[in-house]
Amino acid sequence: MPSYNSIQPNITPLNANIAQQIARTEDRRSAAQRHYQKAHARRVKRIKVVGFALILLFLVQLLMAQVRLHAASKTLTASQQKLATAQKTRSGLQADLKRTKDPAYLQRILREKYGYTKEGELIYNLPENTRN
């Protein structure tokens, strides 16, 4: 039977030193691979934490902006209501001012509020109807 070396003359068996070097190299490579995986996992974790913190910051800012917007909206609504009331009061006062320039209106006010009469008029005080 032919020997292994005679069938394939270009292949030589490994010596023990080379096999040990290959094993040590394989151990270092696997250790480096584990280190890389751990470092990659730490980086991914840090990126996620920073991203979450940024998202949380933006959400808080958005919430605060919404609160300020709501407060401003309430203030605006209240101011608009005050303005509408002031405009109604102003228009009523302007109408009163125009009426005070009319002598007939002034006479009526003097008669109703202050009890003035024309010469020769008689005033009758009638009791009010009080029904229980």
Protein backbone atom coordinates (compact mmCIF):
# COMPACT_ATOMS: atom_id res chain seq x y z
CA MET A 1 0.00 0.00 0.00
CA PRO A 2 1.33 3.42 -0.88
CA SER A 3 2.06 5.94 1.87
CA TYR A 4 0.16 9.18 2.33
CA ASN A 5 3.15 11.23 1.17
CA SER A 6 3.54 9.22 -1.96
CA ILE A 7 -0.05 9.98 -3.07
CA GLN A 8 0.21 13.69 -2.46
CA PRO A 9 3.85 14.67 -2.36
CA ASN A 10 3.22 18.42 -1.94
CA ILE A 11 1.46 18.03 1.45
CA THR A 12 3.52 17.71 4.56
CA PRO A 13 2.21 17.07 8.04
CA LEU A 14 2.14 20.07 10.43
CA ASN A 15 4.65 20.23 13.15
CA ALA A 16 3.51 20.82 16.72
CA ASN A 17 4.84 24.40 16.92
CA ILE A 18 2.78 25.59 13.96
CA ALA A 19 -0.34 23.89 15.31
CA GLN A 20 0.14 25.68 18.64
CA GLN A 21 0.65 29.02 16.91
CA ILE A 22 -2.54 28.51 14.91
CA ALA A 23 -4.45 27.64 18.10
CA ARG A 24 -3.10 30.74 19.89
CA THR A 25 -3.93 32.89 16.91
CA GLU A 26 -7.44 31.43 16.83
CA ASP A 27 -7.85 32.19 20.54
CA ARG A 28 -6.69 35.79 20.02
CA ARG A 29 -8.98 36.18 17.04
CA SER A 30 -11.99 34.93 18.98
CA ALA A 31 -11.04 37.17 21.95
CA ALA A 32 -10.76 40.15 19.60
CA GLN A 33 -14.13 39.22 18.06
CA ARG A 34 -15.75 39.09 21.53
CA HIS A 35 -14.16 42.42 22.44
CA TYR A 36 -15.45 43.96 19.20
CA GLN A 37 -18.95 42.61 19.83
CA LYS A 38 -18.96 43.98 23.39
CA ALA A 39 -17.68 47.37 22.22
CA HIS A 40 -20.28 47.44 19.46
CA ALA A 41 -23.03 46.56 21.94
CA ARG A 42 -21.85 49.36 24.29
CA ARG A 43 -21.85 51.87 21.42
CA VAL A 44 -25.33 50.83 20.34
CA LYS A 45 -26.54 51.11 23.93
CA ARG A 46 -25.02 54.58 24.31
CA ILE A 47 -26.55 55.71 21.03
CA LYS A 48 -29.95 54.46 22.15
CA VAL A 49 -29.66 56.19 25.54
CA VAL A 50 -28.60 59.49 23.95
CA GLY A 51 -31.35 59.17 21.33
CA PHE A 52 -33.94 58.46 24.00
CA ALA A 53 -32.73 61.45 26.03
CA LEU A 54 -32.97 63.71 22.97
CA ILE A 55 -36.45 62.45 22.14
CA LEU A 56 -37.51 62.98 25.75
CA LEU A 57 -36.07 66.50 25.68
CA PHE A 58 -37.94 67.34 22.48
CA LEU A 59 -41.17 65.90 23.88
CA VAL A 60 -40.84 68.01 27.03
CA GLN A 61 -40.18 71.09 24.91
CA LEU A 62 -43.23 70.28 22.78
CA LEU A 63 -45.37 69.81 25.86
CA MET A 64 -44.20 73.10 27.35
CA ALA A 65 -44.92 74.88 24.07
CA GLN A 66 -48.42 73.41 24.04
CA VAL A 67 -49.00 74.60 27.61
CA ARG A 68 -47.81 78.11 26.73
CA LEU A 69 -49.96 78.11 23.60
CA HIS A 70 -53.02 77.06 25.59
CA ALA A 71 -52.39 79.77 28.20
CA ALA A 72 -51.94 82.38 25.47
CA SER A 73 -55.12 81.21 23.80
CA LYS A 74 -57.07 81.53 27.05
CA THR A 75 -55.64 85.00 27.61
CA LEU A 76 -56.52 86.00 24.06
CA THR A 77 -60.09 84.74 24.47
CA ALA A 78 -60.50 86.65 27.75
CA SER A 79 -59.04 89.79 26.18
CA GLN A 80 -61.38 89.50 23.21
CA GLN A 81 -64.36 89.17 25.55
CA LYS A 82 -63.23 92.22 27.52
CA LEU A 83 -62.78 94.13 24.27
CA ALA A 84 -66.27 93.19 23.08
CA THR A 85 -67.76 94.31 26.41
CA ALA A 86 -65.80 97.58 26.31
CA GLN A 87 -66.93 98.22 22.73
CA LYS A 88 -70.58 97.64 23.69
CA THR A 89 -70.20 99.97 26.66
CA ARG A 90 -68.50 102.56 24.48
CA SER A 91 -71.22 102.41 21.84
CA GLY A 92 -73.89 102.75 24.56
CA LEU A 93 -72.08 105.74 26.07
CA GLN A 94 -71.71 107.36 22.65
CA ALA A 95 -75.45 106.88 22.05
CA ASP A 96 -76.16 108.48 25.47
CA LEU A 97 -73.85 111.36 24.56
CA LYS A 98 -75.74 111.96 21.31
CA ARG A 99 -79.06 111.82 23.15
CA THR A 100 -77.90 114.34 25.74
CA LYS A 101 -77.69 116.89 22.96
CA ASP A 102 -81.44 116.47 22.37
CA PRO A 103 -83.51 118.82 24.61
CA ALA A 104 -86.52 116.47 24.73
CA TYR A 105 -84.34 113.63 26.08
CA LEU A 106 -82.83 115.92 28.72
CA GLN A 107 -86.30 117.01 29.84
CA ARG A 108 -87.45 113.42 30.12
CA ILE A 109 -84.38 112.45 32.20
CA LEU A 110 -84.88 115.46 34.49
CA ARG A 111 -88.54 114.54 35.01
CA GLU A 112 -87.92 110.80 35.59
CA LYS A 113 -84.81 110.91 37.74
CA TYR A 114 -84.99 114.22 39.50
CA GLY A 115 -88.75 114.95 39.63
CA TYR A 116 -88.63 118.30 37.79
CA THR A 117 -91.90 119.67 36.40
CA LYS A 118 -92.94 122.37 34.00
CA GLU A 119 -94.69 125.40 35.33
CA GLY A 120 -98.31 124.64 36.01
CA GLU A 121 -97.96 120.82 36.00
CA LEU A 122 -99.30 118.77 38.86
CA ILE A 123 -97.65 115.58 39.98
CA TYR A 124 -99.71 112.80 41.42
CA ASN A 125 -97.98 110.15 43.48
CA LEU A 126 -99.83 106.87 43.08
CA PRO A 127 -99.17 103.88 45.26
CA GLU A 128 -97.47 100.96 43.56
CA ASN A 129 -99.47 97.80 42.97
CA THR A 130 -98.24 95.25 45.43
CA ARG A 131 -99.88 91.89 45.04
CA ASN A 132 -98.91 89.04 47.29
